C-alpha atoms as a PDB file:
ATOM      1  CA  MET A   1     -17.938  22.463  29.655  1.00  0.00           C
ATOM      2  CA  LEU A   2     -19.718  25.735  30.406  1.00  0.00           C
ATOM      3  CA  ARG A   3     -20.325  26.519  34.407  1.00  0.00           C
ATOM      4  CA  PRO A   4     -23.678  28.069  33.696  1.00  0.00           C
ATOM      5  CA  ARG A   5     -25.496  30.577  36.645  1.00  0.00           C
ATOM      6  CA  ALA A   6     -28.485  29.725  37.266  1.00  0.00           C
ATOM      7  CA  LEU A   7     -31.741  28.851  35.555  1.00  0.00           C
ATOM      8  CA  ILE A   8     -33.248  31.778  33.904  1.00  0.00           C
ATOM      9  CA  VAL A   9     -36.548  29.982  33.695  1.00  0.00           C
ATOM     10  CA  SER A  10     -40.160  31.652  32.362  1.00  0.00           C
ATOM     11  CA  VAL A  11     -39.979  34.077  29.805  1.00  0.00           C
ATOM     12  CA  LEU A  12     -36.403  34.178  29.472  1.00  0.00           C
ATOM     13  CA  ALA A  13     -35.862  30.673  28.746  1.00  0.00           C
ATOM     14  CA  CYS A  14     -38.920  30.036  26.540  1.00  0.00           C
ATOM     15  CA  ALA A  15     -40.723  33.339  25.248  1.00  0.00           C
ATOM     16  CA  ALA A  16     -41.345  34.219  21.781  1.00  0.00           C
ATOM     17  CA  LEU A  17     -39.364  37.614  20.739  1.00  0.00           C
ATOM     18  CA  GLY A  18     -41.275  38.956  17.847  1.00  0.00           C
ATOM     19  CA  ALA A  19     -40.756  38.855  13.908  1.00  0.00           C
ATOM     20  CA  SER A  20     -36.931  36.452  13.596  1.00  0.00           C
ATOM     21  CA  PRO A  21     -33.586  38.741  12.085  1.00  0.00           C
ATOM     22  CA  ASP A  22     -32.943  36.684   8.979  1.00  0.00           C
ATOM     23  CA  PRO A  23     -29.882  34.697   9.981  1.00  0.00           C
ATOM     24  CA  GLN A  24     -28.006  35.527   6.402  1.00  0.00           C
ATOM     25  CA  ILE A  25     -28.215  39.290   7.574  1.00  0.00           C
ATOM     26  CA  VAL A  26     -25.483  38.300   9.429  1.00  0.00           C
ATOM     27  CA  PRO A  27     -22.228  38.865   8.319  1.00  0.00           C
ATOM     28  CA  GLN A  28     -20.755  35.942   7.175  1.00  0.00           C
ATOM     29  CA  HIS A  29     -16.837  35.079   6.754  1.00  0.00           C
ATOM     30  CA  ARG A  30     -14.987  31.523   5.563  1.00  0.00           C
ATOM     31  CA  LEU A  31     -12.758  30.270   8.312  1.00  0.00           C
ATOM     32  CA  VAL A  32     -11.357  26.399   8.950  1.00  0.00           C
ATOM     33  CA  GLY A  33     -13.118  25.162   6.443  1.00  0.00           C
ATOM     34  CA  GLY A  34     -16.705  27.289   6.525  1.00  0.00           C
ATOM     35  CA  GLN A  35     -18.532  29.967   7.068  1.00  0.00           C
ATOM     36  CA  TYR A  36     -18.773  31.510  10.523  1.00  0.00           C
ATOM     37  CA  VAL A  37     -20.166  34.807  12.156  1.00  0.00           C
ATOM     38  CA  ALA A  38     -18.256  36.804  14.305  1.00  0.00           C
ATOM     39  CA  VAL A  39     -20.324  36.954  17.959  1.00  0.00           C
ATOM     40  CA  ARG A  40     -20.082  40.745  18.114  1.00  0.00           C
ATOM     41  CA  GLN A  41     -21.833  40.656  14.537  1.00  0.00           C
ATOM     42  CA  LEU A  42     -24.361  38.239  15.944  1.00  0.00           C
ATOM     43  CA  ALA A  43     -24.797  40.419  19.001  1.00  0.00           C
ATOM     44  CA  SER A  44     -25.448  43.169  16.912  1.00  0.00           C
ATOM     45  CA  VAL A  45     -28.024  41.900  15.098  1.00  0.00           C
ATOM     46  CA  TYR A  46     -30.147  39.881  17.464  1.00  0.00           C
ATOM     47  CA  GLU A  47     -30.095  43.446  19.898  1.00  0.00           C
ATOM     48  CA  LEU A  48     -27.911  40.754  22.943  1.00  0.00           C
ATOM     49  CA  GLY A  49     -26.185  44.285  24.189  1.00  0.00           C
ATOM     50  CA  ARG A  50     -22.328  44.590  25.251  1.00  0.00           C
ATOM     51  CA  ASP A  51     -20.068  41.646  25.585  1.00  0.00           C
ATOM     52  CA  ARG A  52     -19.571  41.296  30.089  1.00  0.00           C
ATOM     53  CA  SER A  53     -16.366  38.802  29.912  1.00  0.00           C
ATOM     54  CA  PRO A  54     -13.786  40.615  30.833  1.00  0.00           C
ATOM     55  CA  SER A  55     -12.136  37.262  28.783  1.00  0.00           C
ATOM     56  CA  ALA A  56     -11.591  37.742  24.824  1.00  0.00           C
ATOM     57  CA  ARG A  57     -11.974  33.986  24.958  1.00  0.00           C
ATOM     58  CA  ARG A  58     -15.576  33.640  26.330  1.00  0.00           C
ATOM     59  CA  ALA A  59     -18.417  36.196  25.715  1.00  0.00           C
ATOM     60  CA  GLU A  60     -20.891  37.214  28.512  1.00  0.00           C
ATOM     61  CA  TYR A  61     -24.431  38.851  26.473  1.00  0.00           C
ATOM     62  CA  ARG A  62     -27.381  39.277  29.157  1.00  0.00           C
ATOM     63  CA  THR A  63     -30.677  41.741  28.307  1.00  0.00           C
ATOM     64  CA  SER A  64     -33.971  41.535  30.052  1.00  0.00           C
ATOM     65  CA  ALA A  65     -35.175  38.964  26.763  1.00  0.00           C
ATOM     66  CA  ALA A  66     -31.545  37.349  26.256  1.00  0.00           C
ATOM     67  CA  GLU A  67     -28.939  35.402  27.496  1.00  0.00           C
ATOM     68  CA  LEU A  68     -25.547  34.362  25.567  1.00  0.00           C
ATOM     69  CA  THR A  69     -22.538  32.833  27.192  1.00  0.00           C
ATOM     70  CA  ILE A  70     -20.465  31.212  24.890  1.00  0.00           C
ATOM     71  CA  GLU A  71     -16.248  30.135  25.522  1.00  0.00           C
ATOM     72  CA  ALA A  72     -13.817  29.578  23.000  1.00  0.00           C
ATOM     73  CA  ASP A  73     -12.594  25.879  22.141  1.00  0.00           C
ATOM     74  CA  HIS A  74     -16.317  24.715  23.230  1.00  0.00           C
ATOM     75  CA  ARG A  75     -19.212  23.539  21.262  1.00  0.00           C
ATOM     76  CA  ASP A  76     -21.435  24.052  24.133  1.00  0.00           C
ATOM     77  CA  ILE A  77     -22.945  27.302  25.081  1.00  0.00           C
ATOM     78  CA  HIS A  78     -25.656  28.791  27.657  1.00  0.00           C
ATOM     79  CA  LEU A  79     -28.876  29.683  25.266  1.00  0.00           C
ATOM     80  CA  ASN A  80     -31.706  31.566  27.380  1.00  0.00           C
ATOM     81  CA  GLY A  81     -31.153  29.456  30.300  1.00  0.00           C
ATOM     82  CA  VAL A  82     -30.114  26.354  28.817  1.00  0.00           C
ATOM     83  CA  VAL A  83     -27.345  24.468  27.307  1.00  0.00           C
ATOM     84  CA  HIS A  84     -27.041  23.637  23.903  1.00  0.00           C
ATOM     85  CA  TRP A  85     -25.024  21.691  21.562  1.00  0.00           C
ATOM     86  CA  LEU A  86     -22.882  23.403  18.086  1.00  0.00           C
ATOM     87  CA  SER A  87     -21.771  21.486  15.299  1.00  0.00           C
ATOM     88  CA  ALA A  88     -18.601  23.051  16.423  1.00  0.00           C
ATOM     89  CA  PRO A  89     -16.718  24.522  18.875  1.00  0.00           C
ATOM     90  CA  VAL A  90     -16.323  28.267  19.440  1.00  0.00           C
ATOM     91  CA  LEU A  91     -13.464  29.790  17.159  1.00  0.00           C
ATOM     92  CA  ALA A  92     -10.616  32.396  18.788  1.00  0.00           C
ATOM     93  CA  GLN A  93      -9.087  33.801  15.835  1.00  0.00           C
ATOM     94  CA  ARG A  94      -8.607  37.284  14.881  1.00  0.00           C
ATOM     95  CA  SER A  95      -9.109  39.346  17.845  1.00  0.00           C
ATOM     96  CA  ALA A  96     -13.095  37.325  17.459  1.00  0.00           C
ATOM     97  CA  LEU A  97     -14.728  34.810  18.682  1.00  0.00           C
ATOM     98  CA  TRP A  98     -17.001  32.990  15.684  1.00  0.00           C
ATOM     99  CA  ILE A  99     -19.211  30.427  15.752  1.00  0.00           C
ATOM    100  CA  ARG A 100     -20.417  28.565  12.934  1.00  0.00           C
ATOM    101  CA  ALA A 101     -22.963  29.986   9.977  1.00  0.00           C
ATOM    102  CA  ASP A 102     -25.229  27.014   9.939  1.00  0.00           C
ATOM    103  CA  ASP A 103     -25.702  26.958  14.258  1.00  0.00           C
ATOM    104  CA  VAL A 104     -26.161  30.890  14.185  1.00  0.00           C
ATOM    105  CA  SER A 105     -29.639  29.572  11.592  1.00  0.00           C
ATOM    106  CA  LYS A 106     -30.391  26.011  13.654  1.00  0.00           C
ATOM    107  CA  THR A 107     -29.618  26.989  16.542  1.00  0.00           C
ATOM    108  CA  ILE A 108     -29.271  29.966  18.051  1.00  0.00           C
ATOM    109  CA  ALA A 109     -31.897  31.911  15.931  1.00  0.00           C
ATOM    110  CA  PRO A 110     -34.612  29.636  16.473  1.00  0.00           C
ATOM    111  CA  VAL A 111     -34.478  30.176  20.181  1.00  0.00           C
ATOM    112  CA  LEU A 112     -33.907  33.975  20.452  1.00  0.00           C
ATOM    113  CA  HIS A 113     -37.071  34.442  17.344  1.00  0.00           C
ATOM    114  CA  PRO A 114     -38.924  31.610  17.040  1.00  0.00           C
ATOM    115  CA  PRO A 115     -40.264  30.627  13.465  1.00  0.00           C
ATOM    116  CA  PRO A 116     -43.797  31.391  13.375  1.00  0.00           C
ATOM    117  CA  LEU A 117     -46.554  28.488  12.313  1.00  0.00           C
ATOM    118  CA  ALA A 118     -48.697  29.983   8.328  1.00  0.00           C
ATOM    119  CA  ALA A 119     -51.053  33.017   9.866  1.00  0.00           C
ATOM    120  CA  ASN A 120     -53.711  31.741  12.158  1.00  0.00           C
ATOM    121  CA  ALA A 121     -52.488  28.078  12.051  1.00  0.00           C
ATOM    122  CA  SER A 122     -52.586  26.130  15.337  1.00  0.00           C
ATOM    123  CA  ILE A 123     -51.298  23.025  16.844  1.00  0.00           C
ATOM    124  CA  HIS A 124     -54.370  20.382  17.473  1.00  0.00           C
ATOM    125  CA  THR A 125     -52.700  16.594  18.143  1.00  0.00           C
ATOM    126  CA  ILE A 126     -49.561  16.309  20.024  1.00  0.00           C
ATOM    127  CA  VAL A 127     -48.412  12.268  19.504  1.00  0.00           C
ATOM    128  CA  LEU A 128     -46.003  11.320  22.998  1.00  0.00           C
ATOM    129  CA  ASP A 129     -44.450   8.045  22.898  1.00  0.00           C
ATOM    130  CA  PRO A 130     -43.376   6.282  25.315  1.00  0.00           C
ATOM    131  CA  GLY A 131     -39.641   5.073  25.065  1.00  0.00           C
ATOM    132  CA  HIS A 132     -39.121   0.786  24.172  1.00  0.00           C
ATOM    133  CA  GLY A 133     -41.963  -1.772  25.262  1.00  0.00           C
ATOM    134  CA  GLY A 134     -42.890  -5.019  24.903  1.00  0.00           C
ATOM    135  CA  ALA A 135     -39.789  -7.693  24.698  1.00  0.00           C
ATOM    136  CA  ASP A 136     -37.866  -4.433  24.229  1.00  0.00           C
ATOM    137  CA  THR A 137     -37.247  -3.239  27.890  1.00  0.00           C
ATOM    138  CA  GLY A 138     -35.039  -0.540  27.806  1.00  0.00           C
ATOM    139  CA  ALA A 139     -32.258   0.489  29.860  1.00  0.00           C
ATOM    140  CA  ARG A 140     -32.530  -2.157  33.549  1.00  0.00           C
ATOM    141  CA  GLY A 141     -31.964   0.499  36.707  1.00  0.00           C
ATOM    142  CA  LEU A 142     -30.065  -0.915  39.841  1.00  0.00           C
ATOM    143  CA  SER A 143     -33.073  -1.965  41.156  1.00  0.00           C
ATOM    144  CA  GLY A 144     -34.017  -4.312  38.272  1.00  0.00           C
ATOM    145  CA  HIS A 145     -36.896  -1.977  37.219  1.00  0.00           C
ATOM    146  CA  VAL A 146     -36.188  -1.161  33.471  1.00  0.00           C
ATOM    147  CA  GLU A 147     -37.595   1.184  31.360  1.00  0.00           C
ATOM    148  CA  LYS A 148     -40.521   0.615  29.627  1.00  0.00           C
ATOM    149  CA  GLU A 149     -41.993   0.831  33.216  1.00  0.00           C
ATOM    150  CA  TRP A 150     -41.325   4.625  33.787  1.00  0.00           C
ATOM    151  CA  THR A 151     -41.967   5.971  30.097  1.00  0.00           C
ATOM    152  CA  LEU A 152     -45.138   4.541  29.714  1.00  0.00           C
ATOM    153  CA  ASP A 153     -46.069   5.952  33.395  1.00  0.00           C
ATOM    154  CA  VAL A 154     -44.794   9.203  32.577  1.00  0.00           C
ATOM    155  CA  ALA A 155     -46.337   9.863  28.892  1.00  0.00           C
ATOM    156  CA  ARG A 156     -49.677   8.983  30.178  1.00  0.00           C
ATOM    157  CA  HIS A 157     -49.332  11.881  33.178  1.00  0.00           C
ATOM    158  CA  VAL A 158     -48.476  13.832  30.165  1.00  0.00           C
ATOM    159  CA  ALA A 159     -51.836  12.911  28.125  1.00  0.00           C
ATOM    160  CA  SER A 160     -53.672  13.428  31.351  1.00  0.00           C
ATOM    161  CA  ARG A 161     -52.083  17.275  31.499  1.00  0.00           C
ATOM    162  CA  LEU A 162     -52.668  17.641  27.813  1.00  0.00           C
ATOM    163  CA  ALA A 163     -55.984  16.672  27.395  1.00  0.00           C
ATOM    164  CA  ASP A 164     -56.859  19.409  30.661  1.00  0.00           C
ATOM    165  CA  ALA A 165     -55.801  21.331  28.303  1.00  0.00           C
ATOM    166  CA  GLY A 166     -57.911  20.653  25.713  1.00  0.00           C
ATOM    167  CA  VAL A 167     -55.292  19.161  23.367  1.00  0.00           C
ATOM    168  CA  ARG A 168     -55.615  15.882  20.977  1.00  0.00           C
ATOM    169  CA  VAL A 169     -53.136  13.703  22.741  1.00  0.00           C
ATOM    170  CA  LEU A 170     -52.468  10.057  21.529  1.00  0.00           C
ATOM    171  CA  LEU A 171     -49.933   7.075  22.227  1.00  0.00           C
ATOM    172  CA  THR A 172     -48.235   5.142  20.479  1.00  0.00           C
ATOM    173  CA  ARG A 173     -48.766   2.673  22.246  1.00  0.00           C
ATOM    174  CA  ASP A 174     -50.389   2.857  25.575  1.00  0.00           C
ATOM    175  CA  ALA A 175     -49.691  -1.059  27.094  1.00  0.00           C
ATOM    176  CA  ASP A 176     -46.230  -2.947  27.724  1.00  0.00           C
ATOM    177  CA  ALA A 177     -46.509  -4.034  24.071  1.00  0.00           C
ATOM    178  CA  THR A 178     -43.286  -4.069  21.399  1.00  0.00           C
ATOM    179  CA  THR A 179     -44.037  -1.412  19.327  1.00  0.00           C
ATOM    180  CA  PRO A 180     -41.436  -0.629  16.173  1.00  0.00           C
ATOM    181  CA  LEU A 181     -38.613   1.772  15.889  1.00  0.00           C
ATOM    182  CA  GLU A 182     -40.398   2.552  12.358  1.00  0.00           C
ATOM    183  CA  GLY A 183     -43.837   2.617  13.398  1.00  0.00           C
ATOM    184  CA  ARG A 184     -43.639   5.373  16.281  1.00  0.00           C
ATOM    185  CA  PRO A 185     -43.245   8.202  13.400  1.00  0.00           C
ATOM    186  CA  ALA A 186     -45.179   6.184  10.957  1.00  0.00           C
ATOM    187  CA  PHE A 187     -48.181   6.333  13.962  1.00  0.00           C
ATOM    188  CA  CYS A 188     -47.765   9.921  14.209  1.00  0.00           C
ATOM    189  CA  LEU A 189     -48.088  10.780  10.434  1.00  0.00           C
ATOM    190  CA  ALA A 190     -51.553   8.246  10.449  1.00  0.00           C
ATOM    191  CA  HIS A 191     -52.958  10.516  13.050  1.00  0.00           C
ATOM    192  CA  GLY A 192     -51.553  13.758  11.890  1.00  0.00           C
ATOM    193  CA  GLY A 193     -49.989  14.327  14.807  1.00  0.00           C
ATOM    194  CA  ASP A 194     -48.323  18.222  14.770  1.00  0.00           C
ATOM    195  CA  VAL A 195     -45.970  17.476  17.388  1.00  0.00           C
ATOM    196  CA  PHE A 196     -43.796  13.957  18.438  1.00  0.00           C
ATOM    197  CA  VAL A 197     -41.888  13.410  21.395  1.00  0.00           C
ATOM    198  CA  SER A 198     -40.711  10.548  22.475  1.00  0.00           C
ATOM    199  CA  ILE A 199     -39.626   9.995  26.259  1.00  0.00           C
ATOM    200  CA  HIS A 200     -37.339   8.028  27.930  1.00  0.00           C
ATOM    201  CA  PHE A 201     -34.456   7.655  30.648  1.00  0.00           C
ATOM    202  CA  ASN A 202     -31.111   7.211  30.268  1.00  0.00           C
ATOM    203  CA  SER A 203     -28.112   4.184  31.061  1.00  0.00           C
ATOM    204  CA  GLY A 204     -24.729   4.861  31.717  1.00  0.00           C
ATOM    205  CA  GLY A 205     -21.781   5.067  34.376  1.00  0.00           C
ATOM    206  CA  PRO A 206     -22.715   5.612  37.945  1.00  0.00           C
ATOM    207  CA  MET A 207     -21.573   8.484  37.722  1.00  0.00           C
ATOM    208  CA  ALA A 208     -23.734  10.089  34.931  1.00  0.00           C
ATOM    209  CA  ASN A 209     -26.515  11.932  35.727  1.00  0.00           C
ATOM    210  CA  GLY A 210     -28.774  14.973  34.148  1.00  0.00           C
ATOM    211  CA  ILE A 211     -31.110  15.010  31.745  1.00  0.00           C
ATOM    212  CA  GLU A 212     -30.508  15.767  28.248  1.00  0.00           C
ATOM    213  CA  THR A 213     -33.072  16.481  25.389  1.00  0.00           C
ATOM    214  CA  TYR A 214     -32.340  16.036  21.522  1.00  0.00           C
ATOM    215  CA  CYS A 215     -33.499  17.211  18.346  1.00  0.00           C
ATOM    216  CA  LEU A 216     -32.166  15.807  15.047  1.00  0.00           C
ATOM    217  CA  THR A 217     -28.792  16.825  13.729  1.00  0.00           C
ATOM    218  CA  PRO A 218     -29.559  19.188  10.529  1.00  0.00           C
ATOM    219  CA  ALA A 219     -27.839  17.996   7.593  1.00  0.00           C
ATOM    220  CA  GLY A 220     -24.448  18.550   7.003  1.00  0.00           C
ATOM    221  CA  SER A 221     -23.943  18.533  11.221  1.00  0.00           C
ATOM    222  CA  PRO A 222     -22.406  16.112  13.024  1.00  0.00           C
ATOM    223  CA  SER A 223     -24.217  14.387  15.687  1.00  0.00           C
ATOM    224  CA  THR A 224     -23.709  15.833  19.729  1.00  0.00           C
ATOM    225  CA  ASP A 225     -21.469  12.397  20.259  1.00  0.00           C
ATOM    226  CA  ASP A 226     -19.403  12.343  17.192  1.00  0.00           C
ATOM    227  CA  ALA A 227     -16.345  12.704  18.775  1.00  0.00           C
ATOM    228  CA  ASN A 228     -14.785  13.915  15.794  1.00  0.00           C
ATOM    229  CA  ALA A 229     -17.304  16.327  14.669  1.00  0.00           C
ATOM    230  CA  ARG A 230     -17.933  14.912  11.086  1.00  0.00           C
ATOM    231  CA  HIS A 231     -19.749  17.132   8.894  1.00  0.00           C
ATOM    232  CA  ARG A 232     -22.440  15.200   6.842  1.00  0.00           C
ATOM    233  CA  SER A 233     -24.598  16.614   4.157  1.00  0.00           C
ATOM    234  CA  ASP A 234     -27.588  13.205   4.335  1.00  0.00           C
ATOM    235  CA  ALA A 235     -30.473  15.387   4.706  1.00  0.00           C
ATOM    236  CA  GLN A 236     -33.364  13.464   6.246  1.00  0.00           C
ATOM    237  CA  ALA A 237     -37.214  14.501   6.234  1.00  0.00           C
ATOM    238  CA  GLY A 238     -37.368  15.173   9.402  1.00  0.00           C
ATOM    239  CA  ASN A 239     -35.106  18.077   9.429  1.00  0.00           C
ATOM    240  CA  ARG A 240     -37.609  19.641   7.415  1.00  0.00           C
ATOM    241  CA  TRP A 241     -38.870  20.841  10.845  1.00  0.00           C
ATOM    242  CA  ASP A 242     -35.152  21.861  12.390  1.00  0.00           C
ATOM    243  CA  GLU A 243     -35.824  24.902  13.218  1.00  0.00           C
ATOM    244  CA  ARG A 244     -39.158  24.111  15.153  1.00  0.00           C
ATOM    245  CA  ASN A 245     -37.563  21.170  16.167  1.00  0.00           C
ATOM    246  CA  VAL A 246     -34.997  22.679  18.482  1.00  0.00           C
ATOM    247  CA  TRP A 247     -37.121  25.450  19.841  1.00  0.00           C
ATOM    248  CA  LEU A 248     -39.805  22.454  20.666  1.00  0.00           C
ATOM    249  CA  ALA A 249     -36.773  21.075  22.915  1.00  0.00           C
ATOM    250  CA  HIS A 250     -35.281  24.060  24.514  1.00  0.00           C
ATOM    251  CA  CYS A 251     -38.742  24.703  26.207  1.00  0.00           C
ATOM    252  CA  VAL A 252     -39.347  21.247  26.864  1.00  0.00           C
ATOM    253  CA  HIS A 253     -36.013  21.061  28.500  1.00  0.00           C
ATOM    254  CA  ALA A 254     -35.868  24.395  30.594  1.00  0.00           C
ATOM    255  CA  ALA A 255     -39.354  22.994  31.939  1.00  0.00           C
ATOM    256  CA  ALA A 256     -37.838  19.902  32.708  1.00  0.00           C
ATOM    257  CA  LEU A 257     -35.185  21.625  34.645  1.00  0.00           C
ATOM    258  CA  SER A 258     -36.469  23.940  36.413  1.00  0.00           C
ATOM    259  CA  ALA A 259     -38.654  21.645  38.619  1.00  0.00           C
ATOM    260  CA  THR A 260     -36.466  19.091  38.918  1.00  0.00           C
ATOM    261  CA  GLY A 261     -33.310  20.998  39.768  1.00  0.00           C
ATOM    262  CA  ALA A 262     -31.438  18.214  37.876  1.00  0.00           C
ATOM    263  CA  THR A 263     -28.025  18.476  36.224  1.00  0.00           C
ATOM    264  CA  ASP A 264     -28.241  19.871  32.283  1.00  0.00           C
ATOM    265  CA  ARG A 265     -26.434  18.006  30.009  1.00  0.00           C
ATOM    266  CA  GLY A 266     -27.942  20.511  26.838  1.00  0.00           C
ATOM    267  CA  VAL A 267     -30.561  20.305  23.745  1.00  0.00           C
ATOM    268  CA  ARG A 268     -28.369  17.792  22.149  1.00  0.00           C
ATOM    269  CA  ARG A 269     -28.234  16.300  18.400  1.00  0.00           C
ATOM    270  CA  ALA A 270     -29.236  12.831  16.905  1.00  0.00           C
ATOM    271  CA  ARG A 271     -30.446  11.179  14.061  1.00  0.00           C
ATOM    272  CA  PHE A 272     -32.384   8.545  15.926  1.00  0.00           C
ATOM    273  CA  GLU A 273     -34.936   6.378  13.645  1.00  0.00           C
ATOM    274  CA  VAL A 274     -37.319   7.945  15.357  1.00  0.00           C
ATOM    275  CA  LEU A 275     -36.499  11.524  14.834  1.00  0.00           C
ATOM    276  CA  ARG A 276     -35.401  10.998  11.200  1.00  0.00           C
ATOM    277  CA  ASP A 277     -38.727  10.599   9.807  1.00  0.00           C
ATOM    278  CA  ALA A 278     -41.070  13.178  11.279  1.00  0.00           C
ATOM    279  CA  ASN A 279     -43.485  14.675  10.463  1.00  0.00           C
ATOM    280  CA  CYS A 280     -43.775  17.536  12.711  1.00  0.00           C
ATOM    281  CA  PRO A 281     -41.299  18.969  14.388  1.00  0.00           C
ATOM    282  CA  ALA A 282     -40.058  16.218  17.016  1.00  0.00           C
ATOM    283  CA  ILE A 283     -37.754  15.685  19.503  1.00  0.00           C
ATOM    284  CA  LEU A 284     -36.907  12.661  22.629  1.00  0.00           C
ATOM    285  CA  ILE A 285     -35.882  13.730  25.968  1.00  0.00           C
ATOM    286  CA  GLU A 286     -34.160  11.645  28.683  1.00  0.00           C
ATOM    287  CA  GLY A 287     -35.427  12.453  31.945  1.00  0.00           C
ATOM    288  CA  GLY A 288     -32.942  10.946  34.152  1.00  0.00           C
ATOM    289  CA  PHE A 289     -29.883   7.856  34.485  1.00  0.00           C
ATOM    290  CA  LEU A 290     -31.625   4.632  35.902  1.00  0.00           C
ATOM    291  CA  THR A 291     -27.698   2.956  36.464  1.00  0.00           C
ATOM    292  CA  ASN A 292     -27.033   6.274  38.591  1.00  0.00           C
ATOM    293  CA  GLN A 293     -28.126   5.281  42.427  1.00  0.00           C
ATOM    294  CA  THR A 294     -29.546   8.696  42.898  1.00  0.00           C
ATOM    295  CA  GLU A 295     -31.493   9.864  39.756  1.00  0.00           C
ATOM    296  CA  GLU A 296     -33.270   6.350  40.300  1.00  0.00           C
ATOM    297  CA  GLN A 297     -34.056   6.321  43.567  1.00  0.00           C
ATOM    298  CA  GLN A 298     -36.094   9.186  42.370  1.00  0.00           C
ATOM    299  CA  VAL A 299     -37.530   7.919  39.144  1.00  0.00           C
ATOM    300  CA  LEU A 300     -39.373   4.941  41.628  1.00  0.00           C
ATOM    301  CA  LYS A 301     -41.412   7.504  43.147  1.00  0.00           C
ATOM    302  CA  ALA A 302     -44.555   8.287  41.334  1.00  0.00           C
ATOM    303  CA  GLU A 303     -44.359  12.016  42.948  1.00  0.00           C
ATOM    304  CA  TYR A 304     -41.049  12.273  40.988  1.00  0.00           C
ATOM    305  CA  ARG A 305     -42.422  10.610  37.758  1.00  0.00           C
ATOM    306  CA  GLU A 306     -45.843  12.763  38.381  1.00  0.00           C
ATOM    307  CA  ARG A 307     -43.750  15.994  38.403  1.00  0.00           C
ATOM    308  CA  LEU A 308     -41.431  15.075  35.460  1.00  0.00           C
ATOM    309  CA  ALA A 309     -44.959  14.870  33.491  1.00  0.00           C
ATOM    310  CA  GLU A 310     -46.008  17.752  34.328  1.00  0.00           C
ATOM    311  CA  VAL A 311     -43.409  20.228  33.605  1.00  0.00           C
ATOM    312  CA  ILE A 312     -43.292  17.890  30.010  1.00  0.00           C
ATOM    313  CA  ALA A 313     -46.416  19.147  29.293  1.00  0.00           C
ATOM    314  CA  LYS A 314     -45.873  22.757  30.540  1.00  0.00           C
ATOM    315  CA  GLY A 315     -42.842  22.756  28.260  1.00  0.00           C
ATOM    316  CA  ILE A 316     -44.950  21.851  25.348  1.00  0.00           C
ATOM    317  CA  LEU A 317     -47.812  23.990  26.042  1.00  0.00           C
ATOM    318  CA  ALA A 318     -45.414  26.370  26.170  1.00  0.00           C
ATOM    319  CA  TYR A 319     -43.973  25.593  22.622  1.00  0.00           C
ATOM    320  CA  LYS A 320     -47.714  25.280  20.981  1.00  0.00           C
ATOM    321  CA  ARG A 321     -48.593  29.006  22.822  1.00  0.00           C
ATOM    322  CA  SER A 322     -45.343  31.224  21.629  1.00  0.00           C
ATOM    323  CA  LEU A 323     -45.441  29.869  18.315  1.00  0.00           C
ATOM    324  CA  GLU A 324     -49.509  29.832  17.970  1.00  0.00           C
ATOM    325  CA  THR A 325     -49.252  33.854  19.082  1.00  0.00           C
ATOM    326  CA  LEU A 326     -46.499  34.701  16.387  1.00  0.00           C
ATOM    327  CA  SER A 327     -48.992  33.048  14.194  1.00  0.00           C
ATOM    328  CA  HIS A 328     -51.808  35.011  14.342  1.00  0.00           C
ATOM    329  CA  ARG A 329     -49.697  37.788  14.627  1.00  0.00           C
ATOM    330  CA  THR A 330     -48.130  38.043  11.229  1.00  0.00           C
ATOM    331  CA  ASP A 331     -51.903  37.620  10.000  1.00  0.00           C
END
């Protein structure tokens, strides 16, 4: 995995850079069964400057407005202060580094140049989804506390901060109630949600740690945890928002990392049910591992949960402002 330098937040990590170059204008070449883009040509089109890495198997670009670090044979890249996971490893061939064309259009392009809303459009309603609830307890921590307690607590704090900013915000559950997975995106659709954010905490081995944020896997791509990187063609309703999904995930993930100092496990892809049927841009954030003693002790502290909620709200608002600003520029 790449060892990124200090996080670049605020302007660099979550900033709208204006009209987007069409990813299709970057020349593509067929390699290893797919269409690929040469990293040096990508850097030229997106004005990323010169490659600062002395290694032929690594590329590092940095300007005042953007940053990209990649390494051959890796699926994880460092993009504007955040780790992002690609659908396929970076290739080293023909004395150059190559990225799959769909990774350029579905991951890199939306972060470097976020997709604008329709002219003069706005984001009015945010739907927050506290994970689990009722009979579905979610992950169980080492202390015996369970995930459903903390997801609802954090979601309520996020809702309060968004409401203070003048945003209409709704929760898929506001009590310890069992809510079916399919009912969560259905709730968002029924209430006209413009953004859907599902809030969770993680489980794994005792050494697993960090924050990760998920958006729906694009059609034709493998999910991040697919060790064999099998490409699939099945499109889901939520794939209508692929570009905005990754930009929303980037904004929220960058904000969460900046305030918590957590290990960056990256913006990842998965075909979770709550993301597949989304009627609007949708993400799922895992705010730490309850099976890691250090991270669970943090989550048990009210001040930590309030800080996490505050930065999730800040990330959502940064996403909202960036796209609304672009929509007014394009009028």
